[in-house]
């Protein structure tokens, strides 16, 4: 999900990312927690996004689950949830 909008499949995800109204985003990770999960890894990231050199970064949280590739040569993203944190 992206801000509560469910996206399924590579085409929908790429379509959403390319439709966002900015040119550049820099991720500044504050914390990253990782835990083993059934058949994979669960990752929780918090930080800030600097969008188009704006002096006011946006806070974000993201949780994603990584599962091993069938040949164990790496991982792929099984689930991903992203939220901007407005306060």
C-alpha atoms as a PDB file:
ATOM      1  CA  UNK A   1       0.000   0.000   0.000  1.00  0.00           C
ATOM      2  CA  UNK A   2       1.011   3.610  -0.544  1.00  0.00           C
ATOM      3  CA  UNK A   3      -0.784   6.046   1.746  1.00  0.00           C
ATOM      4  CA  UNK A   4      -3.662   3.568   2.078  1.00  0.00           C
ATOM      5  CA  UNK A   5      -3.982   2.915  -1.661  1.00  0.00           C
ATOM      6  CA  UNK A   6      -3.532  -0.752  -2.532  1.00  0.00           C
ATOM      7  CA  UNK A   7      -1.349  -1.444  -5.562  1.00  0.00           C
ATOM      8  CA  UNK A   8      -0.855  -4.931  -6.949  1.00  0.00           C
ATOM      9  CA  UNK A   9       1.754  -5.955  -9.496  1.00  0.00           C
ATOM     10  CA  UNK A  10       4.772  -4.254 -11.045  1.00  0.00           C
ATOM     11  CA  UNK A  11       2.788  -2.194 -13.573  1.00  0.00           C
ATOM     12  CA  UNK A  12       0.537  -0.631 -10.910  1.00  0.00           C
ATOM     13  CA  UNK A  13       3.490   0.102  -8.620  1.00  0.00           C
ATOM     14  CA  UNK A  14       5.632   1.682 -11.353  1.00  0.00           C
ATOM     15  CA  UNK A  15       2.613   3.649 -12.580  1.00  0.00           C
ATOM     16  CA  UNK A  16       2.046   5.107  -9.120  1.00  0.00           C
ATOM     17  CA  UNK A  17       5.699   5.989  -8.566  1.00  0.00           C
ATOM     18  CA  UNK A  18       6.053   7.696 -11.951  1.00  0.00           C
ATOM     19  CA  UNK A  19       2.855   9.716 -11.399  1.00  0.00           C
ATOM     20  CA  UNK A  20       4.075  11.379  -8.186  1.00  0.00           C
ATOM     21  CA  UNK A  21       4.581  15.159  -8.563  1.00  0.00           C
ATOM     22  CA  UNK A  22       8.309  15.477  -7.856  1.00  0.00           C
ATOM     23  CA  UNK A  23      11.637  14.935  -9.577  1.00  0.00           C
ATOM     24  CA  UNK A  24      14.015  13.835  -6.812  1.00  0.00           C
ATOM     25  CA  UNK A  25      13.728  12.222  -3.381  1.00  0.00           C
ATOM     26  CA  UNK A  26      16.533  11.580  -0.893  1.00  0.00           C
ATOM     27  CA  UNK A  27      15.891   9.072   1.899  1.00  0.00           C
ATOM     28  CA  UNK A  28      17.410   9.812   5.304  1.00  0.00           C
ATOM     29  CA  UNK A  29      16.953   6.659   7.398  1.00  0.00           C
ATOM     30  CA  UNK A  30      16.696   7.272  11.164  1.00  0.00           C
ATOM     31  CA  UNK A  31      15.951   3.723  12.328  1.00  0.00           C
ATOM     32  CA  UNK A  32      15.827   0.305  10.713  1.00  0.00           C
ATOM     33  CA  UNK A  33      14.562  -2.723  12.635  1.00  0.00           C
ATOM     34  CA  UNK A  34      14.851  -6.216  11.151  1.00  0.00           C
ATOM     35  CA  UNK A  35      13.365  -9.452  12.445  1.00  0.00           C
ATOM     36  CA  UNK A  36      13.154 -12.975  11.101  1.00  0.00           C
ATOM     37  CA  UNK A  37       9.682 -13.877   9.872  1.00  0.00           C
ATOM     38  CA  UNK A  38       8.219 -17.152   8.645  1.00  0.00           C
ATOM     39  CA  UNK A  39      10.109 -17.942   5.439  1.00  0.00           C
ATOM     40  CA  UNK A  40      11.749 -14.494   5.273  1.00  0.00           C
ATOM     41  CA  UNK A  41      12.647 -11.188   6.872  1.00  0.00           C
ATOM     42  CA  UNK A  42      10.457  -8.331   8.169  1.00  0.00           C
ATOM     43  CA  UNK A  43      11.916  -4.804   7.929  1.00  0.00           C
ATOM     44  CA  UNK A  44      10.592  -1.605   9.583  1.00  0.00           C
ATOM     45  CA  UNK A  45      12.182   1.706   8.522  1.00  0.00           C
ATOM     46  CA  UNK A  46      11.574   5.260   9.805  1.00  0.00           C
ATOM     47  CA  UNK A  47      13.157   8.404   8.484  1.00  0.00           C
ATOM     48  CA  UNK A  48      12.770  11.546   6.444  1.00  0.00           C
ATOM     49  CA  UNK A  49      12.306  12.264   2.745  1.00  0.00           C
ATOM     50  CA  UNK A  50      13.886  15.345   1.207  1.00  0.00           C
ATOM     51  CA  UNK A  51      11.741  16.104  -1.847  1.00  0.00           C
ATOM     52  CA  UNK A  52      13.143  18.304  -4.639  1.00  0.00           C
ATOM     53  CA  UNK A  53      15.590  19.962  -2.195  1.00  0.00           C
ATOM     54  CA  UNK A  54      12.687  21.272  -0.058  1.00  0.00           C
ATOM     55  CA  UNK A  55      14.093  22.516   3.297  1.00  0.00           C
ATOM     56  CA  UNK A  56      11.227  20.806   5.179  1.00  0.00           C
ATOM     57  CA  UNK A  57      11.700  17.026   4.990  1.00  0.00           C
ATOM     58  CA  UNK A  58       8.699  14.695   5.290  1.00  0.00           C
ATOM     59  CA  UNK A  59       8.729  11.978   7.944  1.00  0.00           C
ATOM     60  CA  UNK A  60       7.945   8.459   6.737  1.00  0.00           C
ATOM     61  CA  UNK A  61       7.507   4.899   7.944  1.00  0.00           C
ATOM     62  CA  UNK A  62       7.795   1.786   5.828  1.00  0.00           C
ATOM     63  CA  UNK A  63       7.367  -1.910   6.552  1.00  0.00           C
ATOM     64  CA  UNK A  64       8.272  -4.581   4.039  1.00  0.00           C
ATOM     65  CA  UNK A  65       8.637  -8.334   3.998  1.00  0.00           C
ATOM     66  CA  UNK A  66      11.452  -9.987   2.062  1.00  0.00           C
ATOM     67  CA  UNK A  67      11.202 -13.592   0.897  1.00  0.00           C
ATOM     68  CA  UNK A  68      14.086 -15.606  -0.567  1.00  0.00           C
ATOM     69  CA  UNK A  69      14.240 -16.206  -4.309  1.00  0.00           C
ATOM     70  CA  UNK A  70      13.609 -19.837  -5.276  1.00  0.00           C
ATOM     71  CA  UNK A  71      17.324 -20.397  -5.980  1.00  0.00           C
ATOM     72  CA  UNK A  72      18.341 -18.601  -2.713  1.00  0.00           C
ATOM     73  CA  UNK A  73      20.403 -16.072  -4.694  1.00  0.00           C
ATOM     74  CA  UNK A  74      18.709 -13.095  -2.994  1.00  0.00           C
ATOM     75  CA  UNK A  75      15.366 -11.739  -1.823  1.00  0.00           C
ATOM     76  CA  UNK A  76      12.265 -10.175  -3.346  1.00  0.00           C
ATOM     77  CA  UNK A  77       9.692  -7.832  -1.783  1.00  0.00           C
ATOM     78  CA  UNK A  78       6.552  -9.797  -0.913  1.00  0.00           C
ATOM     79  CA  UNK A  79       4.650  -7.034   0.956  1.00  0.00           C
ATOM     80  CA  UNK A  80       5.395  -3.320   1.308  1.00  0.00           C
ATOM     81  CA  UNK A  81       3.535  -0.638   3.299  1.00  0.00           C
ATOM     82  CA  UNK A  82       4.547   3.035   3.155  1.00  0.00           C
ATOM     83  CA  UNK A  83       3.155   6.000   5.072  1.00  0.00           C
ATOM     84  CA  UNK A  84       4.003   9.670   5.380  1.00  0.00           C
ATOM     85  CA  UNK A  85       3.803  10.687   9.058  1.00  0.00           C
ATOM     86  CA  UNK A  86       1.963  13.969   9.407  1.00  0.00           C
ATOM     87  CA  UNK A  87       1.881  15.579  12.830  1.00  0.00           C
END
